[in-house]
Amino acid sequence: MNCLVFDIETVPDVEFGRQHLALTDLDDRDVANAMQFLREQKVGTDFLPLHQHRIVAISAVLRRGDTLNVWSLGDEDADERELIERFYDGIERFAPTLVSWNGSGFDLPVLHYRALRHGVSAPRYWETGDTENAYRYNNYLGRFHWRHIDLMDVLAAYQPRGRAPLDEVASLLGFPGKFGMSGADVWETYLAGDLIEIRRYCETDVLNTYLVFVCFEAMRGVLSASERDTEIERVRDWLNAADEPHFAAFLQAWGD
């Protein structure tokens, strides 16, 4: 198995808002409030368009060979450019299957805009067969290809009305789902200076996504039932060995 399950956390790009709206005298909170207010007036929701998000955390589960690892890219002082470079460097090095929950609808487009913003090169990710023929009919960009599996999209049969939240699907399968905070809390948590909590939250999200993915792989016959159970037990073993409070909390919420 060679897969990279990923998730990003974002905050309003107040640098863009300050420049675009000429709000040079306002602090970050007020700039974000103005951006969200204008968005709500325009479309009825304050959720900002994807190009107005800034990435503050990228977390991943890397399952490769006999190893499993769960972590957040970079350290707490890493800037956005470094996080994005590390993400695409992983694709360059390992060419993994990417796995996400709503990655096609949110995470990847945000990464595209931010990589463009910072001038980050990612040739393997953007490969569609011009230099590597194997990518012609199976690449990271094709919605119906398998180099990137957006579980939310696939399980919904690519129908908007079939989409479900990760939290509920994880709970449906007996996994912990979300706890502690939600995506709606990220901005306030960021303003409070608690990036560690955001990274921990993001790491539990990718754990849930990976566990759902394991069940999906069994459903489509890639894993047998015994291989699925072994893989789930591998995650439990990793969590038991990890010395982090949020992993212990995840394991406790999971139960027996």
C-alpha atoms as a PDB file:
ATOM      1  CA  MET A   1       0.000   0.000   0.000  1.00  0.00           C
ATOM      2  CA  ASN A   2       1.273   3.436  -0.920  1.00  0.00           C
ATOM      3  CA  CYS A   3      -1.198   6.163   0.012  1.00  0.00           C
ATOM      4  CA  LEU A   4      -1.166   9.631   1.486  1.00  0.00           C
ATOM      5  CA  VAL A   5      -4.318  10.713   3.282  1.00  0.00           C
ATOM      6  CA  PHE A   6      -4.353  14.480   3.706  1.00  0.00           C
ATOM      7  CA  ASP A   7      -6.374  17.337   5.123  1.00  0.00           C
ATOM      8  CA  ILE A   8      -5.787  21.073   5.350  1.00  0.00           C
ATOM      9  CA  GLU A   9      -6.941  23.745   7.776  1.00  0.00           C
ATOM     10  CA  THR A  10      -7.315  27.319   6.610  1.00  0.00           C
ATOM     11  CA  VAL A  11      -7.986  30.837   7.849  1.00  0.00           C
ATOM     12  CA  PRO A  12      -9.062  33.955   5.940  1.00  0.00           C
ATOM     13  CA  ASP A  13      -6.254  35.410   3.843  1.00  0.00           C
ATOM     14  CA  VAL A  14      -6.351  38.773   5.574  1.00  0.00           C
ATOM     15  CA  GLU A  15      -3.307  39.958   3.622  1.00  0.00           C
ATOM     16  CA  PHE A  16      -5.350  39.606   0.437  1.00  0.00           C
ATOM     17  CA  GLY A  17      -8.412  41.180   2.084  1.00  0.00           C
ATOM     18  CA  ARG A  18      -6.437  44.114   3.416  1.00  0.00           C
ATOM     19  CA  GLN A  19      -4.977  44.830  -0.017  1.00  0.00           C
ATOM     20  CA  HIS A  20      -8.021  44.042  -2.153  1.00  0.00           C
ATOM     21  CA  LEU A  21     -10.470  45.989   0.011  1.00  0.00           C
ATOM     22  CA  ALA A  22      -8.038  48.783   1.000  1.00  0.00           C
ATOM     23  CA  LEU A  23      -8.448  48.052   4.725  1.00  0.00           C
ATOM     24  CA  THR A  24      -4.960  49.068   5.773  1.00  0.00           C
ATOM     25  CA  ASP A  25      -6.020  50.469   9.150  1.00  0.00           C
ATOM     26  CA  LEU A  26      -7.881  47.385  10.419  1.00  0.00           C
ATOM     27  CA  ASP A  27      -6.500  44.470  12.415  1.00  0.00           C
ATOM     28  CA  ASP A  28      -6.751  40.861  11.229  1.00  0.00           C
ATOM     29  CA  ARG A  29     -10.042  40.096  12.970  1.00  0.00           C
ATOM     30  CA  ASP A  30     -11.755  43.156  11.507  1.00  0.00           C
ATOM     31  CA  VAL A  31     -10.400  42.497   8.021  1.00  0.00           C
ATOM     32  CA  ALA A  32     -11.720  38.927   8.177  1.00  0.00           C
ATOM     33  CA  ASN A  33     -15.079  40.185   9.446  1.00  0.00           C
ATOM     34  CA  ALA A  34     -15.284  42.592   6.518  1.00  0.00           C
ATOM     35  CA  MET A  35     -14.402  39.849   4.029  1.00  0.00           C
ATOM     36  CA  GLN A  36     -17.024  37.533   5.461  1.00  0.00           C
ATOM     37  CA  PHE A  37     -19.668  40.264   5.651  1.00  0.00           C
ATOM     38  CA  LEU A  38     -19.203  41.177   1.986  1.00  0.00           C
ATOM     39  CA  ARG A  39     -19.304  37.505   1.023  1.00  0.00           C
ATOM     40  CA  GLU A  40     -22.557  36.963   2.894  1.00  0.00           C
ATOM     41  CA  GLN A  41     -24.105  40.030   1.288  1.00  0.00           C
ATOM     42  CA  LYS A  42     -23.135  38.688  -2.128  1.00  0.00           C
ATOM     43  CA  VAL A  43     -24.064  34.990  -1.907  1.00  0.00           C
ATOM     44  CA  GLY A  44     -25.899  34.475   1.406  1.00  0.00           C
ATOM     45  CA  THR A  45     -23.093  32.685   3.235  1.00  0.00           C
ATOM     46  CA  ASP A  46     -19.956  34.013   4.901  1.00  0.00           C
ATOM     47  CA  PHE A  47     -17.845  31.054   3.731  1.00  0.00           C
ATOM     48  CA  LEU A  48     -15.094  32.697   1.724  1.00  0.00           C
ATOM     49  CA  PRO A  49     -14.279  31.701  -1.873  1.00  0.00           C
ATOM     50  CA  LEU A  50     -11.428  29.239  -2.048  1.00  0.00           C
ATOM     51  CA  HIS A  51      -8.817  31.677  -3.337  1.00  0.00           C
ATOM     52  CA  GLN A  52      -9.315  33.778  -0.179  1.00  0.00           C
ATOM     53  CA  HIS A  53      -8.196  31.001   2.195  1.00  0.00           C
ATOM     54  CA  ARG A  54      -4.710  30.691   3.660  1.00  0.00           C
ATOM     55  CA  ILE A  55      -3.360  27.324   4.762  1.00  0.00           C
ATOM     56  CA  VAL A  56      -2.162  27.059   8.373  1.00  0.00           C
ATOM     57  CA  ALA A  57      -1.934  23.263   8.724  1.00  0.00           C
ATOM     58  CA  ILE A  58      -1.596  20.207   6.508  1.00  0.00           C
ATOM     59  CA  SER A  59      -1.848  16.831   8.210  1.00  0.00           C
ATOM     60  CA  ALA A  60      -1.316  13.416   6.706  1.00  0.00           C
ATOM     61  CA  VAL A  61      -1.391   9.684   7.164  1.00  0.00           C
ATOM     62  CA  LEU A  62       1.336   8.054   5.083  1.00  0.00           C
ATOM     63  CA  ARG A  63       0.882   4.319   4.608  1.00  0.00           C
ATOM     64  CA  ARG A  64       3.815   2.895   2.682  1.00  0.00           C
ATOM     65  CA  GLY A  65       5.249  -0.624   2.698  1.00  0.00           C
ATOM     66  CA  ASP A  66       5.090  -1.839   6.292  1.00  0.00           C
ATOM     67  CA  THR A  67       5.022   1.620   7.829  1.00  0.00           C
ATOM     68  CA  LEU A  68       2.273   3.936   9.032  1.00  0.00           C
ATOM     69  CA  ASN A  69       2.812   7.498  10.172  1.00  0.00           C
ATOM     70  CA  VAL A  70       0.486  10.334  11.194  1.00  0.00           C
ATOM     71  CA  TRP A  71       1.821  13.877  11.457  1.00  0.00           C
ATOM     72  CA  SER A  72       1.464  17.509  10.464  1.00  0.00           C
ATOM     73  CA  LEU A  73       3.825  18.849   7.837  1.00  0.00           C
ATOM     74  CA  GLY A  74       6.510  21.259   8.990  1.00  0.00           C
ATOM     75  CA  ASP A  75       6.870  22.592  12.506  1.00  0.00           C
ATOM     76  CA  GLU A  76       4.752  25.225  14.203  1.00  0.00           C
ATOM     77  CA  ASP A  77       6.934  28.024  12.840  1.00  0.00           C
ATOM     78  CA  ALA A  78       6.743  26.860   9.222  1.00  0.00           C
ATOM     79  CA  ASP A  79       5.178  29.374   6.874  1.00  0.00           C
ATOM     80  CA  GLU A  80       2.513  28.551   4.313  1.00  0.00           C
ATOM     81  CA  ARG A  81       4.961  28.163   1.448  1.00  0.00           C
ATOM     82  CA  GLU A  82       6.949  25.523   3.343  1.00  0.00           C
ATOM     83  CA  LEU A  83       3.816  23.527   4.160  1.00  0.00           C
ATOM     84  CA  ILE A  84       2.784  23.494   0.510  1.00  0.00           C
ATOM     85  CA  GLU A  85       6.289  22.609  -0.691  1.00  0.00           C
ATOM     86  CA  ARG A  86       6.440  19.693   1.733  1.00  0.00           C
ATOM     87  CA  PHE A  87       3.069  18.408   0.530  1.00  0.00           C
ATOM     88  CA  TYR A  88       4.051  18.424  -3.125  1.00  0.00           C
ATOM     89  CA  ASP A  89       7.558  17.122  -2.354  1.00  0.00           C
ATOM     90  CA  GLY A  90       5.913  14.035  -0.860  1.00  0.00           C
ATOM     91  CA  ILE A  91       4.093  13.457  -4.132  1.00  0.00           C
ATOM     92  CA  GLU A  92       7.334  13.918  -6.090  1.00  0.00           C
ATOM     93  CA  ARG A  93       9.185  11.410  -3.883  1.00  0.00           C
ATOM     94  CA  PHE A  94       6.601   8.691  -3.324  1.00  0.00           C
ATOM     95  CA  ALA A  95       3.937   9.136  -6.061  1.00  0.00           C
ATOM     96  CA  PRO A  96       1.308   7.952  -3.574  1.00  0.00           C
ATOM     97  CA  THR A  97      -2.392   7.525  -4.067  1.00  0.00           C
ATOM     98  CA  LEU A  98      -3.883  10.674  -2.547  1.00  0.00           C
ATOM     99  CA  VAL A  99      -6.921  10.163  -0.324  1.00  0.00           C
ATOM    100  CA  SER A 100      -9.146  12.908   1.015  1.00  0.00           C
ATOM    101  CA  TRP A 101     -12.607  13.809   2.207  1.00  0.00           C
ATOM    102  CA  ASN A 102     -13.893  16.585  -0.063  1.00  0.00           C
ATOM    103  CA  GLY A 103     -10.378  17.135  -1.357  1.00  0.00           C
ATOM    104  CA  SER A 104     -11.648  17.806  -4.872  1.00  0.00           C
ATOM    105  CA  GLY A 105     -14.105  20.385  -3.634  1.00  0.00           C
ATOM    106  CA  PHE A 106     -11.912  22.194  -1.143  1.00  0.00           C
ATOM    107  CA  ASP A 107      -8.401  21.057  -0.205  1.00  0.00           C
ATOM    108  CA  LEU A 108      -6.894  20.648  -3.661  1.00  0.00           C
ATOM    109  CA  PRO A 109      -8.297  23.870  -5.199  1.00  0.00           C
ATOM    110  CA  VAL A 110      -7.045  25.809  -2.164  1.00  0.00           C
ATOM    111  CA  LEU A 111      -3.640  24.178  -2.558  1.00  0.00           C
ATOM    112  CA  HIS A 112      -3.656  25.124  -6.245  1.00  0.00           C
ATOM    113  CA  TYR A 113      -4.299  28.804  -5.543  1.00  0.00           C
ATOM    114  CA  ARG A 114      -1.784  28.963  -2.701  1.00  0.00           C
ATOM    115  CA  ALA A 115       0.903  27.107  -4.683  1.00  0.00           C
ATOM    116  CA  LEU A 116       0.305  29.600  -7.486  1.00  0.00           C
ATOM    117  CA  ARG A 117       0.572  32.433  -4.973  1.00  0.00           C
ATOM    118  CA  HIS A 118       3.951  31.198  -3.688  1.00  0.00           C
ATOM    119  CA  GLY A 119       5.374  29.907  -6.968  1.00  0.00           C
ATOM    120  CA  VAL A 120       5.579  26.280  -5.795  1.00  0.00           C
ATOM    121  CA  SER A 121       6.471  23.779  -8.522  1.00  0.00           C
ATOM    122  CA  ALA A 122       4.763  20.359  -8.522  1.00  0.00           C
ATOM    123  CA  PRO A 123       5.428  18.646 -11.887  1.00  0.00           C
ATOM    124  CA  ARG A 124       4.373  15.114 -10.906  1.00  0.00           C
ATOM    125  CA  TYR A 125       1.122  16.330  -9.399  1.00  0.00           C
ATOM    126  CA  TRP A 126       0.250  18.235 -12.605  1.00  0.00           C
ATOM    127  CA  GLU A 127       1.397  15.431 -14.917  1.00  0.00           C
ATOM    128  CA  THR A 128      -1.359  14.263 -17.284  1.00  0.00           C
ATOM    129  CA  GLY A 129       0.647  12.091 -19.648  1.00  0.00           C
ATOM    130  CA  ASP A 130       2.760  14.551 -21.603  1.00  0.00           C
ATOM    131  CA  THR A 131       6.019  13.160 -20.187  1.00  0.00           C
ATOM    132  CA  GLU A 132       4.836  10.032 -18.310  1.00  0.00           C
ATOM    133  CA  ASN A 133       2.378   7.980 -20.327  1.00  0.00           C
ATOM    134  CA  ALA A 134       1.061   6.153 -17.253  1.00  0.00           C
ATOM    135  CA  TYR A 135      -0.520   9.408 -16.120  1.00  0.00           C
ATOM    136  CA  ARG A 136      -2.533   9.892 -19.293  1.00  0.00           C
ATOM    137  CA  TYR A 137      -5.486   7.856 -18.093  1.00  0.00           C
ATOM    138  CA  ASN A 138      -4.825   7.902 -14.363  1.00  0.00           C
ATOM    139  CA  ASN A 139      -3.621  11.181 -12.854  1.00  0.00           C
ATOM    140  CA  TYR A 140      -4.186  13.342  -9.784  1.00  0.00           C
ATOM    141  CA  LEU A 141      -6.448  15.796 -11.612  1.00  0.00           C
ATOM    142  CA  GLY A 142      -9.003  13.459 -13.203  1.00  0.00           C
ATOM    143  CA  ARG A 143     -12.200  13.292 -11.160  1.00  0.00           C
ATOM    144  CA  PHE A 144     -12.861   9.668 -12.121  1.00  0.00           C
ATOM    145  CA  HIS A 145      -9.241   8.528 -11.850  1.00  0.00           C
ATOM    146  CA  TRP A 146      -7.703   6.710  -8.900  1.00  0.00           C
ATOM    147  CA  ARG A 147      -4.487   8.609  -8.131  1.00  0.00           C
ATOM    148  CA  HIS A 148      -6.628  10.897  -6.010  1.00  0.00           C
ATOM    149  CA  ILE A 149      -9.621   9.348  -4.257  1.00  0.00           C
ATOM    150  CA  ASP A 150     -12.019  11.886  -2.823  1.00  0.00           C
ATOM    151  CA  LEU A 151     -13.975   9.541  -0.597  1.00  0.00           C
ATOM    152  CA  MET A 152     -16.859  11.950  -0.101  1.00  0.00           C
ATOM    153  CA  ASP A 153     -17.287  12.331  -3.854  1.00  0.00           C
ATOM    154  CA  VAL A 154     -16.874   8.636  -4.673  1.00  0.00           C
ATOM    155  CA  LEU A 155     -19.187   7.340  -1.943  1.00  0.00           C
ATOM    156  CA  ALA A 156     -21.832   9.855  -3.020  1.00  0.00           C
ATOM    157  CA  ALA A 157     -21.610   8.440  -6.578  1.00  0.00           C
ATOM    158  CA  TYR A 158     -20.498  11.942  -7.618  1.00  0.00           C
ATOM    159  CA  GLN A 159     -23.957  13.292  -6.753  1.00  0.00           C
ATOM    160  CA  PRO A 160     -24.219  16.387  -4.514  1.00  0.00           C
ATOM    161  CA  ARG A 161     -27.343  15.089  -2.779  1.00  0.00           C
ATOM    162  CA  GLY A 162     -25.472  11.918  -1.781  1.00  0.00           C
ATOM    163  CA  ARG A 163     -22.692  13.688   0.127  1.00  0.00           C
ATOM    164  CA  ALA A 164     -22.242  13.038   3.833  1.00  0.00           C
ATOM    165  CA  PRO A 165     -20.051  14.597   6.550  1.00  0.00           C
ATOM    166  CA  LEU A 166     -16.876  12.749   7.510  1.00  0.00           C
ATOM    167  CA  ASP A 167     -17.899  12.897  11.163  1.00  0.00           C
ATOM    168  CA  GLU A 168     -21.122  10.981  10.534  1.00  0.00           C
ATOM    169  CA  VAL A 169     -19.616   8.416   8.166  1.00  0.00           C
ATOM    170  CA  ALA A 170     -16.777   7.701  10.611  1.00  0.00           C
ATOM    171  CA  SER A 171     -19.320   7.276  13.415  1.00  0.00           C
ATOM    172  CA  LEU A 172     -21.429   5.031  11.169  1.00  0.00           C
ATOM    173  CA  LEU A 173     -18.440   2.698  10.898  1.00  0.00           C
ATOM    174  CA  GLY A 174     -17.668   2.761  14.631  1.00  0.00           C
ATOM    175  CA  PHE A 175     -14.760   5.210  14.497  1.00  0.00           C
ATOM    176  CA  PRO A 176     -14.468   8.273  16.761  1.00  0.00           C
ATOM    177  CA  GLY A 177     -15.457  10.982  14.289  1.00  0.00           C
ATOM    178  CA  LYS A 178     -14.759  14.605  15.174  1.00  0.00           C
ATOM    179  CA  PHE A 179     -14.290  15.721  18.752  1.00  0.00           C
ATOM    180  CA  GLY A 180     -12.747  18.642  20.597  1.00  0.00           C
ATOM    181  CA  MET A 181     -13.327  21.229  17.882  1.00  0.00           C
ATOM    182  CA  SER A 182     -14.580  21.654  14.329  1.00  0.00           C
ATOM    183  CA  GLY A 183     -13.506  23.515  11.230  1.00  0.00           C
ATOM    184  CA  ALA A 184     -15.685  26.440  12.291  1.00  0.00           C
ATOM    185  CA  ASP A 185     -13.440  26.910  15.345  1.00  0.00           C
ATOM    186  CA  VAL A 186     -10.154  27.143  13.442  1.00  0.00           C
ATOM    187  CA  TRP A 187     -10.107  30.922  12.907  1.00  0.00           C
ATOM    188  CA  GLU A 188     -10.770  31.788  16.553  1.00  0.00           C
ATOM    189  CA  THR A 189      -8.271  29.159  17.660  1.00  0.00           C
ATOM    190  CA  TYR A 190      -5.702  30.626  15.288  1.00  0.00           C
ATOM    191  CA  LEU A 191      -6.311  34.159  16.577  1.00  0.00           C
ATOM    192  CA  ALA A 192      -5.772  32.812  20.091  1.00  0.00           C
ATOM    193  CA  GLY A 193      -2.349  31.581  18.991  1.00  0.00           C
ATOM    194  CA  ASP A 194      -3.104  27.891  19.507  1.00  0.00           C
ATOM    195  CA  LEU A 195      -1.739  26.388  16.309  1.00  0.00           C
ATOM    196  CA  ILE A 196      -0.921  23.156  18.141  1.00  0.00           C
ATOM    197  CA  GLU A 197      -4.618  22.544  18.753  1.00  0.00           C
ATOM    198  CA  ILE A 198      -5.389  23.153  15.074  1.00  0.00           C
ATOM    199  CA  ARG A 199      -2.710  20.679  14.002  1.00  0.00           C
ATOM    200  CA  ARG A 200      -3.999  18.088  16.466  1.00  0.00           C
ATOM    201  CA  TYR A 201      -7.545  18.530  15.195  1.00  0.00           C
ATOM    202  CA  CYS A 202      -6.342  18.120  11.617  1.00  0.00           C
ATOM    203  CA  GLU A 203      -4.467  14.932  12.537  1.00  0.00           C
ATOM    204  CA  THR A 204      -7.590  13.334  14.000  1.00  0.00           C
ATOM    205  CA  ASP A 205      -9.435  14.216  10.794  1.00  0.00           C
ATOM    206  CA  VAL A 206      -6.919  12.326   8.655  1.00  0.00           C
ATOM    207  CA  LEU A 207      -7.089   9.376  11.031  1.00  0.00           C
ATOM    208  CA  ASN A 208     -10.854   9.192  10.544  1.00  0.00           C
ATOM    209  CA  THR A 209     -10.410   9.534   6.791  1.00  0.00           C
ATOM    210  CA  TYR A 210      -7.822   6.763   6.668  1.00  0.00           C
ATOM    211  CA  LEU A 211     -10.019   4.387   8.657  1.00  0.00           C
ATOM    212  CA  VAL A 212     -12.954   5.049   6.327  1.00  0.00           C
ATOM    213  CA  PHE A 213     -10.604   4.504   3.379  1.00  0.00           C
ATOM    214  CA  VAL A 214      -9.559   1.093   4.719  1.00  0.00           C
ATOM    215  CA  CYS A 215     -13.210   0.052   4.861  1.00  0.00           C
ATOM    216  CA  PHE A 216     -13.740   1.419   1.342  1.00  0.00           C
ATOM    217  CA  GLU A 217     -10.789  -0.590   0.023  1.00  0.00           C
ATOM    218  CA  ALA A 218     -12.335  -3.741   1.511  1.00  0.00           C
ATOM    219  CA  MET A 219     -15.725  -2.882   0.011  1.00  0.00           C
ATOM    220  CA  ARG A 220     -14.263  -2.612  -3.490  1.00  0.00           C
ATOM    221  CA  GLY A 221     -12.191  -5.777  -3.094  1.00  0.00           C
ATOM    222  CA  VAL A 222      -8.713  -4.263  -2.847  1.00  0.00           C
ATOM    223  CA  LEU A 223      -8.404  -5.588   0.731  1.00  0.00           C
ATOM    224  CA  SER A 224      -9.866  -8.787   2.096  1.00  0.00           C
ATOM    225  CA  ALA A 225     -11.904  -8.696   5.298  1.00  0.00           C
ATOM    226  CA  SER A 226      -8.933 -10.034   7.263  1.00  0.00           C
ATOM    227  CA  GLU A 227      -6.576  -7.500   5.667  1.00  0.00           C
ATOM    228  CA  ARG A 228      -9.024  -4.734   6.568  1.00  0.00           C
ATOM    229  CA  ASP A 229      -9.112  -5.876  10.182  1.00  0.00           C
ATOM    230  CA  THR A 230      -5.324  -6.151  10.298  1.00  0.00           C
ATOM    231  CA  GLU A 231      -4.995  -2.629   8.930  1.00  0.00           C
ATOM    232  CA  ILE A 232      -7.424  -1.225  11.495  1.00  0.00           C
ATOM    233  CA  GLU A 233      -5.483  -2.991  14.227  1.00  0.00           C
ATOM    234  CA  ARG A 234      -2.297  -1.433  12.848  1.00  0.00           C
ATOM    235  CA  VAL A 235      -3.824   2.001  13.466  1.00  0.00           C
ATOM    236  CA  ARG A 236      -4.734   1.025  17.038  1.00  0.00           C
ATOM    237  CA  ASP A 237      -1.185  -0.189  17.649  1.00  0.00           C
ATOM    238  CA  TRP A 238       0.234   3.062  16.272  1.00  0.00           C
ATOM    239  CA  LEU A 239      -2.035   5.121  18.501  1.00  0.00           C
ATOM    240  CA  ASN A 240      -1.086   3.050  21.544  1.00  0.00           C
ATOM    241  CA  ALA A 241       2.591   3.720  20.846  1.00  0.00           C
ATOM    242  CA  ALA A 242       2.138   7.434  20.148  1.00  0.00           C
ATOM    243  CA  ASP A 243       2.946   9.774  23.023  1.00  0.00           C
ATOM    244  CA  GLU A 244       0.451  12.555  22.264  1.00  0.00           C
ATOM    245  CA  PRO A 245      -2.674  13.474  24.257  1.00  0.00           C
ATOM    246  CA  HIS A 246      -4.950  13.867  21.221  1.00  0.00           C
ATOM    247  CA  PHE A 247      -4.021  10.402  19.968  1.00  0.00           C
ATOM    248  CA  ALA A 248      -4.751   8.963  23.407  1.00  0.00           C
ATOM    249  CA  ALA A 249      -8.096  10.787  23.392  1.00  0.00           C
ATOM    250  CA  PHE A 250      -8.853   9.455  19.914  1.00  0.00           C
ATOM    251  CA  LEU A 251      -8.122   5.906  21.051  1.00  0.00           C
ATOM    252  CA  GLN A 252     -10.248   6.335  24.167  1.00  0.00           C
ATOM    253  CA  ALA A 253     -13.160   7.696  22.105  1.00  0.00           C
ATOM    254  CA  TRP A 254     -12.794   4.733  19.762  1.00  0.00           C
ATOM    255  CA  GLY A 255     -13.260   2.248  22.594  1.00  0.00           C
ATOM    256  CA  ASP A 256     -12.948  -1.521  22.286  1.00  0.00           C
END
